[in-house]
Amino acid sequence: MYDLIEAKYVDGYILDVRFENGKRGRHDFSRYALKGGVFERLSDLSYFKSFYVNKELGVLCWPDGPDIAPETLYHKVTGEPLPPWMTEEKEELVKG
């Protein structure tokens, strides 16, 4: 359901993405480009444009760099809630 099957460059840091269940939408990744850390290389637009979809895993990736969990991207594009296992894991990390 959450696997990414296609991503196309639109403009700036915006990609049009499509998931295995047919849902699609656009997402602006400019916030990732400003985050630094593992996402720091995304601030270089030419590097950002080198994205690809790992068809085996259904994940948005960059060469030798970060990837975006398909569940997270699905949530950001569709507005649907994250899967329960992701929110439970996040709550556990906060509780410490």
PDB file of N, CA and C in Angstrom:
ATOM      1  N   MET A   1       0.819  -1.200   0.000  1.00  0.00           N
ATOM      2  CA  MET A   1       0.000   0.000   0.000  1.00  0.00           C
ATOM      3  C   MET A   1       0.862   1.263   0.000  1.00  0.00           C
ATOM      4  N   TYR A   2       1.918   1.278   0.799  1.00  0.00           N
ATOM      5  CA  TYR A   2       2.740   2.475   0.930  1.00  0.00           C
ATOM      6  C   TYR A   2       3.893   2.521  -0.062  1.00  0.00           C
ATOM      7  N   ASP A   3       4.157   1.420  -0.752  1.00  0.00           N
ATOM      8  CA  ASP A   3       5.311   1.395  -1.648  1.00  0.00           C
ATOM      9  C   ASP A   3       5.191   2.443  -2.746  1.00  0.00           C
ATOM     10  N   LEU A   4       6.272   3.154  -2.935  1.00  0.00           N
ATOM     11  CA  LEU A   4       6.365   4.164  -3.983  1.00  0.00           C
ATOM     12  C   LEU A   4       6.729   3.460  -5.285  1.00  0.00           C
ATOM     13  N   ILE A   5       6.010   3.774  -6.359  1.00  0.00           N
ATOM     14  CA  ILE A   5       6.328   3.128  -7.635  1.00  0.00           C
ATOM     15  C   ILE A   5       6.819   4.116  -8.689  1.00  0.00           C
ATOM     16  N   GLU A   6       6.605   5.412  -8.456  1.00  0.00           N
ATOM     17  CA  GLU A   6       7.027   6.392  -9.452  1.00  0.00           C
ATOM     18  C   GLU A   6       7.242   7.751  -8.799  1.00  0.00           C
ATOM     19  N   ALA A   7       8.252   8.463  -9.260  1.00  0.00           N
ATOM     20  CA  ALA A   7       8.499   9.838  -8.820  1.00  0.00           C
ATOM     21  C   ALA A   7       9.002  10.625 -10.019  1.00  0.00           C
ATOM     22  N   LYS A   8       8.412  11.796 -10.219  1.00  0.00           N
ATOM     23  CA  LYS A   8       8.805  12.657 -11.334  1.00  0.00           C
ATOM     24  C   LYS A   8       9.108  14.051 -10.803  1.00  0.00           C
ATOM     25  N   TYR A   9      10.161  14.630 -11.357  1.00  0.00           N
ATOM     26  CA  TYR A   9      10.540  15.980 -10.983  1.00  0.00           C
ATOM     27  C   TYR A   9       9.527  16.964 -11.553  1.00  0.00           C
ATOM     28  N   VAL A  10       9.115  17.948 -10.729  1.00  0.00           N
ATOM     29  CA  VAL A  10       8.180  18.983 -11.172  1.00  0.00           C
ATOM     30  C   VAL A  10       8.909  20.315 -11.299  1.00  0.00           C
ATOM     31  N   ASP A  11       9.410  20.837 -10.170  1.00  0.00           N
ATOM     32  CA  ASP A  11      10.079  22.135 -10.155  1.00  0.00           C
ATOM     33  C   ASP A  11      10.685  22.341  -8.776  1.00  0.00           C
ATOM     34  N   GLY A  12      11.792  23.074  -8.691  1.00  0.00           N
ATOM     35  CA  GLY A  12      12.397  23.336  -7.391  1.00  0.00           C
ATOM     36  C   GLY A  12      12.646  22.035  -6.652  1.00  0.00           C
ATOM     37  N   TYR A  13      12.045  21.918  -5.479  1.00  0.00           N
ATOM     38  CA  TYR A  13      12.171  20.698  -4.683  1.00  0.00           C
ATOM     39  C   TYR A  13      10.864  19.905  -4.662  1.00  0.00           C
ATOM     40  N   ILE A  14      10.059  20.075  -5.689  1.00  0.00           N
ATOM     41  CA  ILE A  14       8.753  19.409  -5.747  1.00  0.00           C
ATOM     42  C   ILE A  14       8.822  18.184  -6.648  1.00  0.00           C
ATOM     43  N   LEU A  15       8.322  17.072  -6.110  1.00  0.00           N
ATOM     44  CA  LEU A  15       8.204  15.834  -6.875  1.00  0.00           C
ATOM     45  C   LEU A  15       6.747  15.407  -6.920  1.00  0.00           C
ATOM     46  N   ASP A  16       6.359  14.825  -8.039  1.00  0.00           N
ATOM     47  CA  ASP A  16       5.057  14.187  -8.184  1.00  0.00           C
ATOM     48  C   ASP A  16       5.302  12.703  -7.943  1.00  0.00           C
ATOM     49  N   VAL A  17       4.589  12.116  -6.982  1.00  0.00           N
ATOM     50  CA  VAL A  17       4.833  10.719  -6.617  1.00  0.00           C
ATOM     51  C   VAL A  17       3.562   9.890  -6.754  1.00  0.00           C
ATOM     52  N   ARG A  18       3.764   8.596  -7.037  1.00  0.00           N
ATOM     53  CA  ARG A  18       2.629   7.674  -7.159  1.00  0.00           C
ATOM     54  C   ARG A  18       2.953   6.406  -6.382  1.00  0.00           C
ATOM     55  N   PHE A  19       1.935   5.932  -5.657  1.00  0.00           N
ATOM     56  CA  PHE A  19       2.084   4.757  -4.805  1.00  0.00           C
ATOM     57  C   PHE A  19       1.403   3.548  -5.433  1.00  0.00           C
ATOM     58  N   GLU A  20       1.740   2.366  -4.907  1.00  0.00           N
ATOM     59  CA  GLU A  20       1.242   1.122  -5.482  1.00  0.00           C
ATOM     60  C   GLU A  20      -0.282   1.005  -5.458  1.00  0.00           C
ATOM     61  N   ASN A  21      -0.944   1.717  -4.545  1.00  0.00           N
ATOM     62  CA  ASN A  21      -2.409   1.650  -4.481  1.00  0.00           C
ATOM     63  C   ASN A  21      -3.076   2.668  -5.409  1.00  0.00           C
ATOM     64  N   GLY A  22      -2.268   3.370  -6.221  1.00  0.00           N
ATOM     65  CA  GLY A  22      -2.802   4.321  -7.191  1.00  0.00           C
ATOM     66  C   GLY A  22      -2.870   5.750  -6.706  1.00  0.00           C
ATOM     67  N   LYS A  23      -2.718   5.968  -5.405  1.00  0.00           N
ATOM     68  CA  LYS A  23      -2.756   7.340  -4.893  1.00  0.00           C
ATOM     69  C   LYS A  23      -1.502   8.065  -5.338  1.00  0.00           C
ATOM     70  N   ARG A  24      -1.694   9.352  -5.617  1.00  0.00           N
ATOM     71  CA  ARG A  24      -0.566  10.160  -6.066  1.00  0.00           C
ATOM     72  C   ARG A  24      -0.725  11.578  -5.552  1.00  0.00           C
ATOM     73  N   GLY A  25       0.335  12.316  -5.640  1.00  0.00           N
ATOM     74  CA  GLY A  25       0.301  13.706  -5.225  1.00  0.00           C
ATOM     75  C   GLY A  25       1.685  14.312  -5.332  1.00  0.00           C
ATOM     76  N   ARG A  26       1.759  15.574  -4.987  1.00  0.00           N
ATOM     77  CA  ARG A  26       3.026  16.299  -5.038  1.00  0.00           C
ATOM     78  C   ARG A  26       3.487  16.613  -3.625  1.00  0.00           C
ATOM     79  N   HIS A  27       4.799  16.629  -3.491  1.00  0.00           N
ATOM     80  CA  HIS A  27       5.370  16.989  -2.193  1.00  0.00           C
ATOM     81  C   HIS A  27       6.568  17.904  -2.412  1.00  0.00           C
ATOM     82  N   ASP A  28       6.646  18.933  -1.584  1.00  0.00           N
ATOM     83  CA  ASP A  28       7.754  19.882  -1.617  1.00  0.00           C
ATOM     84  C   ASP A  28       8.796  19.430  -0.585  1.00  0.00           C
ATOM     85  N   PHE A  29       9.954  19.048  -1.050  1.00  0.00           N
ATOM     86  CA  PHE A  29      11.019  18.534  -0.198  1.00  0.00           C
ATOM     87  C   PHE A  29      11.974  19.621   0.279  1.00  0.00           C
ATOM     88  N   SER A  30      11.625  20.889   0.095  1.00  0.00           N
ATOM     89  CA  SER A  30      12.550  21.967   0.461  1.00  0.00           C
ATOM     90  C   SER A  30      12.886  21.943   1.957  1.00  0.00           C
ATOM     91  N   ARG A  31      11.970  21.495   2.802  1.00  0.00           N
ATOM     92  CA  ARG A  31      12.273  21.419   4.240  1.00  0.00           C
ATOM     93  C   ARG A  31      13.372  20.398   4.519  1.00  0.00           C
ATOM     94  N   TYR A  32      13.370  19.305   3.749  1.00  0.00           N
ATOM     95  CA  TYR A  32      14.441  18.317   3.904  1.00  0.00           C
ATOM     96  C   TYR A  32      15.780  18.939   3.518  1.00  0.00           C
ATOM     97  N   ALA A  33      15.779  19.742   2.460  1.00  0.00           N
ATOM     98  CA  ALA A  33      17.013  20.362   1.978  1.00  0.00           C
ATOM     99  C   ALA A  33      17.612  21.310   3.018  1.00  0.00           C
ATOM    100  N   LEU A  34      16.783  21.857   3.889  1.00  0.00           N
ATOM    101  CA  LEU A  34      17.248  22.797   4.913  1.00  0.00           C
ATOM    102  C   LEU A  34      17.615  22.123   6.229  1.00  0.00           C
ATOM    103  N   LYS A  35      17.303  20.838   6.373  1.00  0.00           N
ATOM    104  CA  LYS A  35      17.503  20.140   7.641  1.00  0.00           C
ATOM    105  C   LYS A  35      18.958  19.945   8.029  1.00  0.00           C
ATOM    106  N   GLY A  36      19.816  19.761   7.053  1.00  0.00           N
ATOM    107  CA  GLY A  36      21.196  19.442   7.374  1.00  0.00           C
ATOM    108  C   GLY A  36      21.327  17.964   7.719  1.00  0.00           C
ATOM    109  N   GLY A  37      22.427  17.618   8.349  1.00  0.00           N
ATOM    110  CA  GLY A  37      22.657  16.222   8.707  1.00  0.00           C
ATOM    111  C   GLY A  37      22.646  15.325   7.485  1.00  0.00           C
ATOM    112  N   VAL A  38      21.963  14.203   7.584  1.00  0.00           N
ATOM    113  CA  VAL A  38      21.911  13.240   6.486  1.00  0.00           C
ATOM    114  C   VAL A  38      21.276  13.834   5.227  1.00  0.00           C
ATOM    115  N   PHE A  39      20.438  14.863   5.405  1.00  0.00           N
ATOM    116  CA  PHE A  39      19.750  15.482   4.270  1.00  0.00           C
ATOM    117  C   PHE A  39      20.501  16.681   3.683  1.00  0.00           C
ATOM    118  N   GLU A  40      21.647  17.015   4.228  1.00  0.00           N
ATOM    119  CA  GLU A  40      22.378  18.217   3.811  1.00  0.00           C
ATOM    120  C   GLU A  40      22.642  18.269   2.304  1.00  0.00           C
ATOM    121  N   ARG A  41      22.983  17.146   1.709  1.00  0.00           N
ATOM    122  CA  ARG A  41      23.301  17.140   0.271  1.00  0.00           C
ATOM    123  C   ARG A  41      22.097  17.506  -0.590  1.00  0.00           C
ATOM    124  N   LEU A  42      20.885  17.361  -0.056  1.00  0.00           N
ATOM    125  CA  LEU A  42      19.694  17.700  -0.838  1.00  0.00           C
ATOM    126  C   LEU A  42      19.600  19.194  -1.118  1.00  0.00           C
ATOM    127  N   SER A  43      20.360  20.007  -0.388  1.00  0.00           N
ATOM    128  CA  SER A  43      20.330  21.455  -0.642  1.00  0.00           C
ATOM    129  C   SER A  43      20.922  21.793  -2.011  1.00  0.00           C
ATOM    130  N   ASP A  44      21.718  20.887  -2.565  1.00  0.00           N
ATOM    131  CA  ASP A  44      22.253  21.044  -3.921  1.00  0.00           C
ATOM    132  C   ASP A  44      21.182  20.530  -4.883  1.00  0.00           C
ATOM    133  N   LEU A  45      20.545  21.437  -5.604  1.00  0.00           N
ATOM    134  CA  LEU A  45      19.415  21.062  -6.460  1.00  0.00           C
ATOM    135  C   LEU A  45      19.791  20.013  -7.501  1.00  0.00           C
ATOM    136  N   SER A  46      20.999  20.086  -8.033  1.00  0.00           N
ATOM    137  CA  SER A  46      21.386  19.073  -9.025  1.00  0.00           C
ATOM    138  C   SER A  46      21.475  17.694  -8.373  1.00  0.00           C
ATOM    139  N   TYR A  47      21.938  17.636  -7.128  1.00  0.00           N
ATOM    140  CA  TYR A  47      21.947  16.361  -6.400  1.00  0.00           C
ATOM    141  C   TYR A  47      20.512  15.920  -6.106  1.00  0.00           C
ATOM    142  N   PHE A  48      19.678  16.852  -5.670  1.00  0.00           N
ATOM    143  CA  PHE A  48      18.275  16.521  -5.394  1.00  0.00           C
ATOM    144  C   PHE A  48      17.634  15.856  -6.608  1.00  0.00           C
ATOM    145  N   LYS A  49      17.919  16.384  -7.788  1.00  0.00           N
ATOM    146  CA  LYS A  49      17.324  15.859  -9.020  1.00  0.00           C
ATOM    147  C   LYS A  49      17.829  14.464  -9.382  1.00  0.00           C
ATOM    148  N   SER A  50      18.841  13.967  -8.692  1.00  0.00           N
ATOM    149  CA  SER A  50      19.365  12.626  -8.987  1.00  0.00           C
ATOM    150  C   SER A  50      18.599  11.530  -8.244  1.00  0.00           C
ATOM    151  N   PHE A  51      17.445  11.880  -7.676  1.00  0.00           N
ATOM    152  CA  PHE A  51      16.619  10.906  -6.951  1.00  0.00           C
ATOM    153  C   PHE A  51      16.246   9.736  -7.865  1.00  0.00           C
ATOM    154  N   TYR A  52      15.896   8.642  -7.239  1.00  0.00           N
ATOM    155  CA  TYR A  52      15.363   7.489  -7.967  1.00  0.00           C
ATOM    156  C   TYR A  52      14.484   6.686  -7.021  1.00  0.00           C
ATOM    157  N   VAL A  53      13.641   5.859  -7.586  1.00  0.00           N
ATOM    158  CA  VAL A  53      12.798   4.974  -6.786  1.00  0.00           C
ATOM    159  C   VAL A  53      13.444   3.598  -6.788  1.00  0.00           C
ATOM    160  N   ASN A  54      13.759   3.104  -5.603  1.00  0.00           N
ATOM    161  CA  ASN A  54      14.239   1.736  -5.474  1.00  0.00           C
ATOM    162  C   ASN A  54      13.012   0.846  -5.626  1.00  0.00           C
ATOM    163  N   LYS A  55      12.861   0.256  -6.801  1.00  0.00           N
ATOM    164  CA  LYS A  55      11.653  -0.517  -7.131  1.00  0.00           C
ATOM    165  C   LYS A  55      11.494  -1.740  -6.235  1.00  0.00           C
ATOM    166  N   GLU A  56      12.603  -2.318  -5.812  1.00  0.00           N
ATOM    167  CA  GLU A  56      12.539  -3.507  -4.966  1.00  0.00           C
ATOM    168  C   GLU A  56      11.963  -3.182  -3.588  1.00  0.00           C
ATOM    169  N   LEU A  57      12.335  -2.009  -3.056  1.00  0.00           N
ATOM    170  CA  LEU A  57      11.900  -1.614  -1.718  1.00  0.00           C
ATOM    171  C   LEU A  57      10.748  -0.619  -1.718  1.00  0.00           C
ATOM    172  N   GLY A  58      10.468   0.015  -2.867  1.00  0.00           N
ATOM    173  CA  GLY A  58       9.413   1.020  -2.935  1.00  0.00           C
ATOM    174  C   GLY A  58       9.759   2.292  -2.190  1.00  0.00           C
ATOM    175  N   VAL A  59      11.035   2.677  -2.249  1.00  0.00           N
ATOM    176  CA  VAL A  59      11.552   3.787  -1.453  1.00  0.00           C
ATOM    177  C   VAL A  59      12.160   4.854  -2.366  1.00  0.00           C
ATOM    178  N   LEU A  60      11.967   6.130  -2.000  1.00  0.00           N
ATOM    179  CA  LEU A  60      12.605   7.246  -2.693  1.00  0.00           C
ATOM    180  C   LEU A  60      14.026   7.388  -2.162  1.00  0.00           C
ATOM    181  N   CYS A  61      15.013   7.362  -3.061  1.00  0.00           N
ATOM    182  CA  CYS A  61      16.425   7.359  -2.663  1.00  0.00           C
ATOM    183  C   CYS A  61      17.227   8.375  -3.458  1.00  0.00           C
ATOM    184  N   TRP A  62      18.415   8.652  -2.927  1.00  0.00           N
ATOM    185  CA  TRP A  62      19.430   9.433  -3.629  1.00  0.00           C
ATOM    186  C   TRP A  62      20.723   8.632  -3.604  1.00  0.00           C
ATOM    187  N   PRO A  63      21.557   8.791  -4.637  1.00  0.00           N
ATOM    188  CA  PRO A  63      22.809   8.031  -4.684  1.00  0.00           C
ATOM    189  C   PRO A  63      23.685   8.307  -3.456  1.00  0.00           C
ATOM    190  N   ASP A  64      24.157   7.252  -2.838  1.00  0.00           N
ATOM    191  CA  ASP A  64      25.050   7.360  -1.671  1.00  0.00           C
ATOM    192  C   ASP A  64      24.529   8.336  -0.626  1.00  0.00           C
ATOM    193  N   GLY A  65      23.237   8.384  -0.441  1.00  0.00           N
ATOM    194  CA  GLY A  65      22.699   9.357   0.495  1.00  0.00           C
ATOM    195  C   GLY A  65      21.422   8.905   1.157  1.00  0.00           C
ATOM    196  N   PRO A  66      20.583   9.867   1.475  1.00  0.00           N
ATOM    197  CA  PRO A  66      19.380   9.580   2.247  1.00  0.00           C
ATOM    198  C   PRO A  66      18.301   8.882   1.430  1.00  0.00           C
ATOM    199  N   ASP A  67      17.352   8.354   2.159  1.00  0.00           N
ATOM    200  CA  ASP A  67      16.125   7.862   1.537  1.00  0.00           C
ATOM    201  C   ASP A  67      14.972   8.298   2.424  1.00  0.00           C
ATOM    202  N   ILE A  68      13.784   8.278   1.867  1.00  0.00           N
ATOM    203  CA  ILE A  68      12.585   8.691   2.601  1.00  0.00           C
ATOM    204  C   ILE A  68      11.693   7.468   2.763  1.00  0.00           C
ATOM    205  N   ALA A  69      11.340   7.158   3.989  1.00  0.00           N
ATOM    206  CA  ALA A  69      10.463   6.016   4.247  1.00  0.00           C
ATOM    207  C   ALA A  69       9.163   6.204   3.472  1.00  0.00           C
ATOM    208  N   PRO A  70       8.719   5.181   2.754  1.00  0.00           N
ATOM    209  CA  PRO A  70       7.507   5.332   1.953  1.00  0.00           C
ATOM    210  C   PRO A  70       6.275   5.658   2.795  1.00  0.00           C
ATOM    211  N   GLU A  71       6.227   5.149   4.024  1.00  0.00           N
ATOM    212  CA  GLU A  71       5.088   5.442   4.898  1.00  0.00           C
ATOM    213  C   GLU A  71       5.025   6.925   5.235  1.00  0.00           C
ATOM    214  N   THR A  72       6.184   7.513   5.493  1.00  0.00           N
ATOM    215  CA  THR A  72       6.251   8.940   5.803  1.00  0.00           C
ATOM    216  C   THR A  72       5.826   9.773   4.602  1.00  0.00           C
ATOM    217  N   LEU A  73       6.331   9.423   3.437  1.00  0.00           N
ATOM    218  CA  LEU A  73       5.981  10.155   2.222  1.00  0.00           C
ATOM    219  C   LEU A  73       4.494  10.018   1.915  1.00  0.00           C
ATOM    220  N   TYR A  74       3.954   8.820   2.081  1.00  0.00           N
ATOM    221  CA  TYR A  74       2.531   8.578   1.847  1.00  0.00           C
ATOM    222  C   TYR A  74       1.693   9.480   2.760  1.00  0.00           C
ATOM    223  N   HIS A  75       2.070   9.545   4.023  1.00  0.00           N
ATOM    224  CA  HIS A  75       1.368  10.393   4.994  1.00  0.00           C
ATOM    225  C   HIS A  75       1.429  11.863   4.575  1.00  0.00           C
ATOM    226  N   LYS A  76       2.595  12.324   4.157  1.00  0.00           N
ATOM    227  CA  LYS A  76       2.744  13.731   3.776  1.00  0.00           C
ATOM    228  C   LYS A  76       1.963  14.073   2.510  1.00  0.00           C
ATOM    229  N   VAL A  77       1.892  13.132   1.570  1.00  0.00           N
ATOM    230  CA  VAL A  77       1.208  13.387   0.297  1.00  0.00           C
ATOM    231  C   VAL A  77      -0.304  13.259   0.430  1.00  0.00           C
ATOM    232  N   THR A  78      -0.771  12.253   1.152  1.00  0.00           N
ATOM    233  CA  THR A  78      -2.215  11.986   1.219  1.00  0.00           C
ATOM    234  C   THR A  78      -2.889  12.600   2.436  1.00  0.00           C
ATOM    235  N   GLY A  79      -2.117  12.901   3.475  1.00  0.00           N
ATOM    236  CA  GLY A  79      -2.705  13.400   4.713  1.00  0.00           C
ATOM    237  C   GLY A  79      -3.292  12.295   5.574  1.00  0.00           C
ATOM    238  N   GLU A  80      -3.196  11.057   5.106  1.00  0.00           N
ATOM    239  CA  GLU A  80      -3.698   9.928   5.892  1.00  0.00           C
ATOM    240  C   GLU A  80      -2.746   9.663   7.053  1.00  0.00           C
ATOM    241  N   PRO A  81      -3.275   9.092   8.150  1.00  0.00           N
ATOM    242  CA  PRO A  81      -2.425   8.867   9.324  1.00  0.00           C
ATOM    243  C   PRO A  81      -1.277   7.903   9.038  1.00  0.00           C
ATOM    244  N   LEU A  82      -0.224   8.065   9.816  1.00  0.00           N
ATOM    245  CA  LEU A  82       0.879   7.111   9.752  1.00  0.00           C
ATOM    246  C   LEU A  82       0.380   5.751  10.227  1.00  0.00           C
ATOM    247  N   PRO A  83       1.017   4.673   9.779  1.00  0.00           N
ATOM    248  CA  PRO A  83       0.624   3.359  10.277  1.00  0.00           C
ATOM    249  C   PRO A  83       0.837   3.289  11.788  1.00  0.00           C
ATOM    250  N   PRO A  84      -0.004   2.545  12.494  1.00  0.00           N
ATOM    251  CA  PRO A  84       0.097   2.480  13.958  1.00  0.00           C
ATOM    252  C   PRO A  84       1.489   2.112  14.466  1.00  0.00           C
ATOM    253  N   TRP A  85       2.164   1.198  13.781  1.00  0.00           N
ATOM    254  CA  TRP A  85       3.484   0.786  14.274  1.00  0.00           C
ATOM    255  C   TRP A  85       4.470   1.953  14.275  1.00  0.00           C
ATOM    256  N   MET A  86       4.298   2.926  13.381  1.00  0.00           N
ATOM    257  CA  MET A  86       5.207   4.073  13.353  1.00  0.00           C
ATOM    258  C   MET A  86       4.914   5.032  14.499  1.00  0.00           C
ATOM    259  N   THR A  87       3.660   5.252  14.808  1.00  0.00           N
ATOM    260  CA  THR A  87       3.332   6.172  15.898  1.00  0.00           C
ATOM    261  C   THR A  87       3.643   5.537  17.245  1.00  0.00           C
ATOM    262  N   GLU A  88       3.445   4.218  17.370  1.00  0.00           N
ATOM    263  CA  GLU A  88       3.783   3.534  18.620  1.00  0.00           C
ATOM    264  C   GLU A  88       5.279   3.608  18.873  1.00  0.00           C
ATOM    265  N   GLU A  89       6.068   3.399  17.814  1.00  0.00           N
ATOM    266  CA  GLU A  89       7.521   3.458  17.941  1.00  0.00           C
ATOM    267  C   GLU A  89       7.957   4.860  18.348  1.00  0.00           C
ATOM    268  N   LYS A  90       7.339   5.878  17.763  1.00  0.00           N
ATOM    269  CA  LYS A  90       7.672   7.267  18.083  1.00  0.00           C
ATOM    270  C   LYS A  90       7.335   7.566  19.543  1.00  0.00           C
ATOM    271  N   GLU A  91       6.175   7.083  20.008  1.00  0.00           N
ATOM    272  CA  GLU A  91       5.781   7.303  21.399  1.00  0.00           C
ATOM    273  C   GLU A  91       6.769   6.647  22.354  1.00  0.00           C
ATOM    274  N   GLU A  92       7.249   5.458  22.004  1.00  0.00           N
ATOM    275  CA  GLU A  92       8.222   4.762  22.841  1.00  0.00           C
ATOM    276  C   GLU A  92       9.529   5.540  22.924  1.00  0.00           C
ATOM    277  N   LEU A  93       9.949   6.136  21.809  1.00  0.00           N
ATOM    278  CA  LEU A  93      11.176   6.922  21.815  1.00  0.00           C
ATOM    279  C   LEU A  93      11.040   8.156  22.697  1.00  0.00           C
ATOM    280  N   VAL A  94       9.861   8.769  22.690  1.00  0.00           N
ATOM    281  CA  VAL A  94       9.623   9.961  23.507  1.00  0.00           C
ATOM    282  C   VAL A  94       9.620   9.591  24.986  1.00  0.00           C
ATOM    283  N   LYS A  95       8.991   8.447  25.317  1.00  0.00           N
ATOM    284  CA  LYS A  95       8.930   8.007  26.715  1.00  0.00           C
ATOM    285  C   LYS A  95      10.311   7.679  27.253  1.00  0.00           C
ATOM    286  N   GLY A  96      11.166   7.195  26.356  1.00  0.00           N
ATOM    287  CA  GLY A  96      12.544   6.936  26.710  1.00  0.00           C
ATOM    288  C   GLY A  96      12.771   5.676  27.409  1.00  0.00           C
TER     289      GLY A  96
END
